[in-house]
C-alpha atoms as a PDB file:
ATOM      1  CA  MET A   1     -71.413 -90.622 165.448  1.00  0.00           C
ATOM      2  CA  GLY A   2     -69.319 -92.215 162.949  1.00  0.00           C
ATOM      3  CA  SER A   3     -66.702 -89.955 163.577  1.00  0.00           C
ATOM      4  CA  LEU A   4     -65.153 -88.866 166.257  1.00  0.00           C
ATOM      5  CA  SER A   5     -65.244 -85.416 167.047  1.00  0.00           C
ATOM      6  CA  ILE A   6     -62.076 -82.895 167.694  1.00  0.00           C
ATOM      7  CA  TRP A   7     -62.521 -83.480 171.529  1.00  0.00           C
ATOM      8  CA  HIS A   8     -62.668 -87.091 170.856  1.00  0.00           C
ATOM      9  CA  TRP A   9     -58.839 -87.019 169.683  1.00  0.00           C
ATOM     10  CA  LEU A  10     -57.766 -84.397 172.506  1.00  0.00           C
ATOM     11  CA  VAL A  11     -59.069 -86.894 174.926  1.00  0.00           C
ATOM     12  CA  VAL A  12     -56.530 -90.270 173.487  1.00  0.00           C
ATOM     13  CA  LEU A  13     -54.447 -87.412 173.065  1.00  0.00           C
ATOM     14  CA  LEU A  14     -54.395 -86.579 176.877  1.00  0.00           C
ATOM     15  CA  ILE A  15     -54.975 -90.219 177.689  1.00  0.00           C
ATOM     16  CA  VAL A  16     -51.370 -90.990 175.833  1.00  0.00           C
ATOM     17  CA  VAL A  17     -49.488 -87.828 177.327  1.00  0.00           C
ATOM     18  CA  LEU A  18     -50.295 -89.485 181.355  1.00  0.00           C
ATOM     19  CA  LEU A  19     -49.149 -93.295 180.793  1.00  0.00           C
ATOM     20  CA  PHE A  20     -45.823 -93.057 178.529  1.00  0.00           C
ATOM     21  CA  GLY A  21     -45.252 -89.298 179.707  1.00  0.00           C
ATOM     22  CA  THR A  22     -43.738 -86.037 176.441  1.00  0.00           C
ATOM     23  CA  ASN A  23     -40.157 -87.566 177.022  1.00  0.00           C
ATOM     24  CA  LYS A  24     -40.792 -91.251 175.592  1.00  0.00           C
ATOM     25  CA  LEU A  25     -43.510 -90.193 172.958  1.00  0.00           C
ATOM     26  CA  LYS A  26     -40.042 -87.672 171.957  1.00  0.00           C
ATOM     27  CA  ASN A  27     -38.532 -90.138 171.872  1.00  0.00           C
ATOM     28  CA  ILE A  28     -40.641 -92.390 169.741  1.00  0.00           C
ATOM     29  CA  GLY A  29     -40.999 -89.987 167.115  1.00  0.00           C
ATOM     30  CA  LYS A  30     -37.462 -88.528 167.155  1.00  0.00           C
ATOM     31  CA  ASP A  31     -36.913 -93.222 165.987  1.00  0.00           C
ATOM     32  CA  ALA A  32     -40.005 -93.318 163.750  1.00  0.00           C
ATOM     33  CA  GLY A  33     -38.190 -90.200 161.962  1.00  0.00           C
ATOM     34  CA  GLU A  34     -34.975 -92.167 161.531  1.00  0.00           C
ATOM     35  CA  ALA A  35     -36.142 -95.102 160.808  1.00  0.00           C
ATOM     36  CA  VAL A  36     -38.659 -92.848 157.423  1.00  0.00           C
ATOM     37  CA  ARG A  37     -34.942 -91.198 156.815  1.00  0.00           C
ATOM     38  CA  GLY A  38     -32.921 -94.367 156.891  1.00  0.00           C
ATOM     39  CA  PHE A  39     -35.963 -96.315 154.510  1.00  0.00           C
ATOM     40  CA  LYS A  40     -35.756 -92.650 151.547  1.00  0.00           C
ATOM     41  CA  ASP A  41     -32.225 -93.525 152.334  1.00  0.00           C
ATOM     42  CA  ALA A  42     -32.028 -97.255 151.105  1.00  0.00           C
ATOM     43  CA  LEU A  43     -34.608 -96.310 148.194  1.00  0.00           C
ATOM     44  CA  ASN A  44     -32.425 -93.405 146.475  1.00  0.00           C
ATOM     45  CA  GLU A  45     -28.851 -95.723 146.975  1.00  0.00           C
ATOM     46  CA  ASP A  46     -30.810 -98.914 145.891  1.00  0.00           C
ATOM     47  CA  LYS A  47     -32.113 -95.699 142.723  1.00  0.00           C
ATOM     48  CA  LYS A  48     -28.595 -95.049 142.030  1.00  0.00           C
ATOM     49  CA  THR A  49     -27.809 -98.576 142.342  1.00  0.00           C
ATOM     50  CA  ILE A  50     -29.785 -99.121 139.377  1.00  0.00           C
ATOM     51  CA  ASP A  51     -28.882 -95.863 137.179  1.00  0.00           C
ATOM     52  CA  ASN A  52     -25.386 -97.386 137.379  1.00  0.00           C
ATOM     53  CA  SER A  53     -25.978-100.687 135.879  1.00  0.00           C
ATOM     54  CA  ASP A  54     -28.006 -98.870 132.828  1.00  0.00           C
ATOM     55  CA  LYS A  55     -25.066 -97.028 132.221  1.00  0.00           C
ATOM     56  CA  LYS A  56     -22.828 -99.779 131.517  1.00  0.00           C
END
């Protein structure tokens, strides 16, 4: 009984959807995706800056 079965996760998902609603969950997912994309872009920008400074 140490791990949760699929039924436990489905019940948790149902409760989360009932509490927050699908529209708010969609907005949270969109915001999280944009944050990850911004973080990746910042890492790539820093890498380009380091690469350009090594060439000089």
